[in-house]
C-alpha atoms as a PDB file:
ATOM      1  CA  MET A   1     -19.806 -29.311  -0.637  1.00  0.00           C
ATOM      2  CA  LEU A   2     -15.541 -29.585  -0.548  1.00  0.00           C
ATOM      3  CA  LYS A   3     -15.259 -30.302  -4.822  1.00  0.00           C
ATOM      4  CA  GLU A   4     -16.656 -26.930  -4.379  1.00  0.00           C
ATOM      5  CA  PHE A   5     -14.183 -25.363  -2.164  1.00  0.00           C
ATOM      6  CA  LYS A   6     -11.333 -26.765  -4.243  1.00  0.00           C
ATOM      7  CA  GLU A   7     -12.855 -25.097  -6.755  1.00  0.00           C
ATOM      8  CA  PHE A   8     -13.137 -21.832  -5.059  1.00  0.00           C
ATOM      9  CA  ALA A   9      -9.076 -22.293  -3.416  1.00  0.00           C
ATOM     10  CA  MET A  10      -8.306 -22.934  -7.474  1.00  0.00           C
ATOM     11  CA  ARG A  11      -9.879 -19.602  -8.744  1.00  0.00           C
ATOM     12  CA  GLY A  12      -6.888 -17.765 -10.338  1.00  0.00           C
ATOM     13  CA  ASN A  13      -7.657 -15.352  -7.833  1.00  0.00           C
ATOM     14  CA  ILE A  14      -7.745 -16.424  -4.663  1.00  0.00           C
ATOM     15  CA  VAL A  15      -4.184 -18.130  -6.065  1.00  0.00           C
ATOM     16  CA  ASP A  16      -2.991 -14.263  -6.826  1.00  0.00           C
ATOM     17  CA  LEU A  17      -4.371 -13.137  -3.985  1.00  0.00           C
ATOM     18  CA  ALA A  18      -2.548 -15.343  -1.270  1.00  0.00           C
ATOM     19  CA  VAL A  19       1.098 -14.462  -3.315  1.00  0.00           C
ATOM     20  CA  GLY A  20       0.206 -11.250  -2.621  1.00  0.00           C
ATOM     21  CA  VAL A  21      -0.241 -11.621   0.831  1.00  0.00           C
ATOM     22  CA  ILE A  22       2.842 -13.250   1.490  1.00  0.00           C
ATOM     23  CA  ILE A  23       4.589 -10.919  -0.310  1.00  0.00           C
ATOM     24  CA  GLY A  24       2.807  -8.038   1.389  1.00  0.00           C
ATOM     25  CA  VAL A  25       4.105  -9.636   4.908  1.00  0.00           C
ATOM     26  CA  ALA A  26       7.849  -9.992   3.536  1.00  0.00           C
ATOM     27  CA  PHE A  27       7.690  -6.555   2.310  1.00  0.00           C
ATOM     28  CA  GLY A  28       6.363  -5.463   5.794  1.00  0.00           C
ATOM     29  CA  LYS A  29       9.137  -6.749   7.768  1.00  0.00           C
ATOM     30  CA  ILE A  30      11.573  -5.197   5.334  1.00  0.00           C
ATOM     31  CA  VAL A  31      10.228  -1.905   5.410  1.00  0.00           C
ATOM     32  CA  SER A  32       9.986  -2.017   9.548  1.00  0.00           C
ATOM     33  CA  SER A  33      13.561  -2.612   9.907  1.00  0.00           C
ATOM     34  CA  LEU A  34      14.038  -0.030   7.139  1.00  0.00           C
ATOM     35  CA  VAL A  35      12.776   2.314   9.762  1.00  0.00           C
ATOM     36  CA  GLU A  36      13.643   0.957  13.289  1.00  0.00           C
ATOM     37  CA  ASP A  37      17.128   0.386  12.012  1.00  0.00           C
ATOM     38  CA  VAL A  38      17.928   2.971   9.196  1.00  0.00           C
ATOM     39  CA  ILE A  39      15.870   5.776   9.295  1.00  0.00           C
ATOM     40  CA  MET A  40      15.108   5.923  13.270  1.00  0.00           C
ATOM     41  CA  PRO A  41      18.393   5.503  14.158  1.00  0.00           C
ATOM     42  CA  PRO A  42      19.145   8.784  12.530  1.00  0.00           C
ATOM     43  CA  ILE A  43      15.683  11.376  13.319  1.00  0.00           C
ATOM     44  CA  GLY A  44      16.592  10.254  16.696  1.00  0.00           C
ATOM     45  CA  ARG A  45      20.252  11.451  16.737  1.00  0.00           C
ATOM     46  CA  LEU A  46      18.789  14.588  15.190  1.00  0.00           C
ATOM     47  CA  LEU A  47      16.128  15.266  17.772  1.00  0.00           C
ATOM     48  CA  GLY A  48      19.205  14.815  20.741  1.00  0.00           C
ATOM     49  CA  ASN A  49      20.003  11.342  20.400  1.00  0.00           C
ATOM     50  CA  VAL A  50      15.772  10.256  21.296  1.00  0.00           C
ATOM     51  CA  ASP A  51      14.542   6.431  20.435  1.00  0.00           C
ATOM     52  CA  PHE A  52      11.172   7.072  20.541  1.00  0.00           C
ATOM     53  CA  SER A  53      10.946   3.042  21.054  1.00  0.00           C
ATOM     54  CA  GLY A  54      12.273   3.928  24.781  1.00  0.00           C
ATOM     55  CA  LEU A  55       9.489   7.137  25.107  1.00  0.00           C
ATOM     56  CA  PHE A  56       6.501   6.025  27.710  1.00  0.00           C
ATOM     57  CA  ILE A  57       4.570   7.960  30.153  1.00  0.00           C
ATOM     58  CA  ASN A  58       4.404   6.016  33.110  1.00  0.00           C
ATOM     59  CA  LEU A  59       0.356   5.519  34.670  1.00  0.00           C
ATOM     60  CA  SER A  60       1.060   4.396  37.536  1.00  0.00           C
ATOM     61  CA  SER A  61       2.722   5.514  41.176  1.00  0.00           C
ATOM     62  CA  THR A  62       5.570   3.328  41.005  1.00  0.00           C
ATOM     63  CA  HIS A  63       9.446   4.756  38.802  1.00  0.00           C
ATOM     64  CA  PHE A  64      10.541   2.645  35.946  1.00  0.00           C
ATOM     65  CA  ASP A  65      12.855   3.508  33.599  1.00  0.00           C
ATOM     66  CA  SER A  66      11.771   1.359  30.549  1.00  0.00           C
ATOM     67  CA  ILE A  67       8.820   0.207  29.283  1.00  0.00           C
ATOM     68  CA  ALA A  68      10.620  -3.679  29.920  1.00  0.00           C
ATOM     69  CA  ALA A  69      10.884  -2.695  33.695  1.00  0.00           C
ATOM     70  CA  ALA A  70       7.481  -1.509  34.149  1.00  0.00           C
ATOM     71  CA  LYS A  71       6.621  -5.195  32.211  1.00  0.00           C
ATOM     72  CA  ALA A  72       8.742  -6.609  34.353  1.00  0.00           C
ATOM     73  CA  ALA A  73       7.860  -5.819  37.888  1.00  0.00           C
ATOM     74  CA  THR A  74       4.455  -7.671  39.603  1.00  0.00           C
ATOM     75  CA  PRO A  75       2.186  -6.838  38.870  1.00  0.00           C
ATOM     76  CA  PRO A  76       2.970  -5.358  35.163  1.00  0.00           C
ATOM     77  CA  GLN A  77       2.047  -1.626  35.189  1.00  0.00           C
ATOM     78  CA  PRO A  78       0.732   0.547  33.347  1.00  0.00           C
ATOM     79  CA  THR A  79       2.366   2.642  31.120  1.00  0.00           C
ATOM     80  CA  LEU A  80       1.009   4.659  27.498  1.00  0.00           C
ATOM     81  CA  ASN A  81       3.645   4.060  24.861  1.00  0.00           C
ATOM     82  CA  TYR A  82       3.392   7.269  22.910  1.00  0.00           C
ATOM     83  CA  GLY A  83       7.007   6.039  21.372  1.00  0.00           C
ATOM     84  CA  ILE A  84       5.940   2.939  19.520  1.00  0.00           C
ATOM     85  CA  PHE A  85       3.076   4.387  18.539  1.00  0.00           C
ATOM     86  CA  ILE A  86       5.175   6.895  16.454  1.00  0.00           C
ATOM     87  CA  ASN A  87       7.270   4.078  15.263  1.00  0.00           C
ATOM     88  CA  ASN A  88       4.798   2.882  14.295  1.00  0.00           C
ATOM     89  CA  VAL A  89       2.654   5.118  12.328  1.00  0.00           C
ATOM     90  CA  ILE A  90       6.800   6.345  10.941  1.00  0.00           C
ATOM     91  CA  THR A  91       6.513   2.570   9.190  1.00  0.00           C
ATOM     92  CA  PHE A  92       2.568   2.952   7.858  1.00  0.00           C
ATOM     93  CA  LEU A  93       3.648   5.965   6.374  1.00  0.00           C
ATOM     94  CA  ILE A  94       6.515   4.747   4.820  1.00  0.00           C
ATOM     95  CA  VAL A  95       4.972   1.351   4.040  1.00  0.00           C
ATOM     96  CA  ALA A  96       1.855   3.567   2.134  1.00  0.00           C
ATOM     97  CA  PHE A  97       3.983   5.605  -0.283  1.00  0.00           C
ATOM     98  CA  ALA A  98       6.275   2.375  -1.175  1.00  0.00           C
ATOM     99  CA  VAL A  99       3.075   0.750  -2.375  1.00  0.00           C
ATOM    100  CA  PHE A 100       2.164   3.819  -3.426  1.00  0.00           C
ATOM    101  CA  LEU A 101       5.032   3.912  -5.497  1.00  0.00           C
ATOM    102  CA  MET A 102       4.860   0.548  -6.134  1.00  0.00           C
ATOM    103  CA  VAL A 103       1.356  -0.024  -7.551  1.00  0.00           C
ATOM    104  CA  GLN A 104       2.588   3.086 -10.217  1.00  0.00           C
ATOM    105  CA  VAL A 105       5.145   1.588 -11.809  1.00  0.00           C
ATOM    106  CA  LEU A 106       2.860  -1.876 -12.294  1.00  0.00           C
ATOM    107  CA  ASN A 107       0.646   0.978 -13.407  1.00  0.00           C
ATOM    108  CA  ARG A 108       2.831   2.016 -15.686  1.00  0.00           C
ATOM    109  CA  TRP A 109       4.080  -1.804 -16.960  1.00  0.00           C
ATOM    110  CA  THR A 110       0.433  -2.857 -17.570  1.00  0.00           C
ATOM    111  CA  LYS A 111      -0.806   0.230 -19.419  1.00  0.00           C
ATOM    112  CA  LYS A 112      -2.607  -0.221 -22.811  1.00  0.00           C
ATOM    113  CA  PRO A 113      -3.657   1.794 -24.959  1.00  0.00           C
ATOM    114  CA  GLU A 114      -7.437   2.455 -25.363  1.00  0.00           C
ATOM    115  CA  ALA A 115      -9.119   0.640 -28.473  1.00  0.00           C
ATOM    116  CA  PRO A 116     -10.455   3.424 -30.701  1.00  0.00           C
ATOM    117  CA  THR A 117     -13.794   3.815 -31.182  1.00  0.00           C
ATOM    118  CA  THR A 118     -14.032   7.030 -33.708  1.00  0.00           C
ATOM    119  CA  LYS A 119     -12.953   7.376 -36.533  1.00  0.00           C
ATOM    120  CA  ASP A 120     -12.948  11.483 -38.903  1.00  0.00           C
ATOM    121  CA  CYS A 121     -14.885  10.991 -42.457  1.00  0.00           C
ATOM    122  CA  PRO A 122     -12.875  10.990 -45.093  1.00  0.00           C
ATOM    123  CA  GLN A 123     -15.067  13.751 -47.036  1.00  0.00           C
ATOM    124  CA  CYS A 124     -16.512  16.580 -43.959  1.00  0.00           C
ATOM    125  CA  ALA A 125     -13.124  15.121 -41.522  1.00  0.00           C
ATOM    126  CA  MET A 126     -16.028  15.363 -38.889  1.00  0.00           C
ATOM    127  CA  THR A 127     -16.124  12.287 -35.835  1.00  0.00           C
ATOM    128  CA  ILE A 128     -17.811   9.447 -36.696  1.00  0.00           C
ATOM    129  CA  PRO A 129     -18.372   5.317 -34.946  1.00  0.00           C
ATOM    130  CA  LEU A 130     -15.998   3.216 -35.941  1.00  0.00           C
ATOM    131  CA  ALA A 131     -19.325   1.235 -37.230  1.00  0.00           C
ATOM    132  CA  ALA A 132     -20.850   3.877 -39.328  1.00  0.00           C
ATOM    133  CA  LYS A 133     -21.930   2.721 -42.813  1.00  0.00           C
ATOM    134  CA  ARG A 134     -22.455   6.271 -43.776  1.00  0.00           C
ATOM    135  CA  CYS A 135     -21.530   9.906 -42.059  1.00  0.00           C
ATOM    136  CA  GLY A 136     -24.898  10.986 -39.955  1.00  0.00           C
ATOM    137  CA  HIS A 137     -22.877  15.035 -41.288  1.00  0.00           C
ATOM    138  CA  CYS A 138     -22.204  14.456 -45.026  1.00  0.00           C
ATOM    139  CA  THR A 139     -24.466  11.034 -45.778  1.00  0.00           C
ATOM    140  CA  THR A 140     -20.931  10.314 -47.618  1.00  0.00           C
ATOM    141  CA  GLN A 141     -21.085   6.573 -48.018  1.00  0.00           C
ATOM    142  CA  LEU A 142     -18.818   4.487 -46.263  1.00  0.00           C
ATOM    143  CA  ALA A 143     -16.021   1.209 -46.963  1.00  0.00           C
END
């Protein structure tokens, strides 16, 4: 059983998947930083100095100035953190777009020309299979 597991784990696909996951996690951190530190501050400023991560609806009867204050209360008070949700949606959209662009580039690099499966008859110019010995249209003997 251990031998079978080793063979399974050392297959090329599993190693490729592991490398992809590790790179994906690191890439996710970069994109999260891009969104939180570079993209969201100008958007918040354009919308009147709004920090999306601080937007919440207090679901308790006690007033709190921030999400951290509500969570620090004893017992922690419930809040609806829609600003964090907005940040996560924007992060997801940017990650999805970046992955789309990366896949497009990889597809261009790895695109191989398709091998032809047909050829033209030298006598009648009709399309025939590559393996044909005789043209089905004009019956010319092919080399």
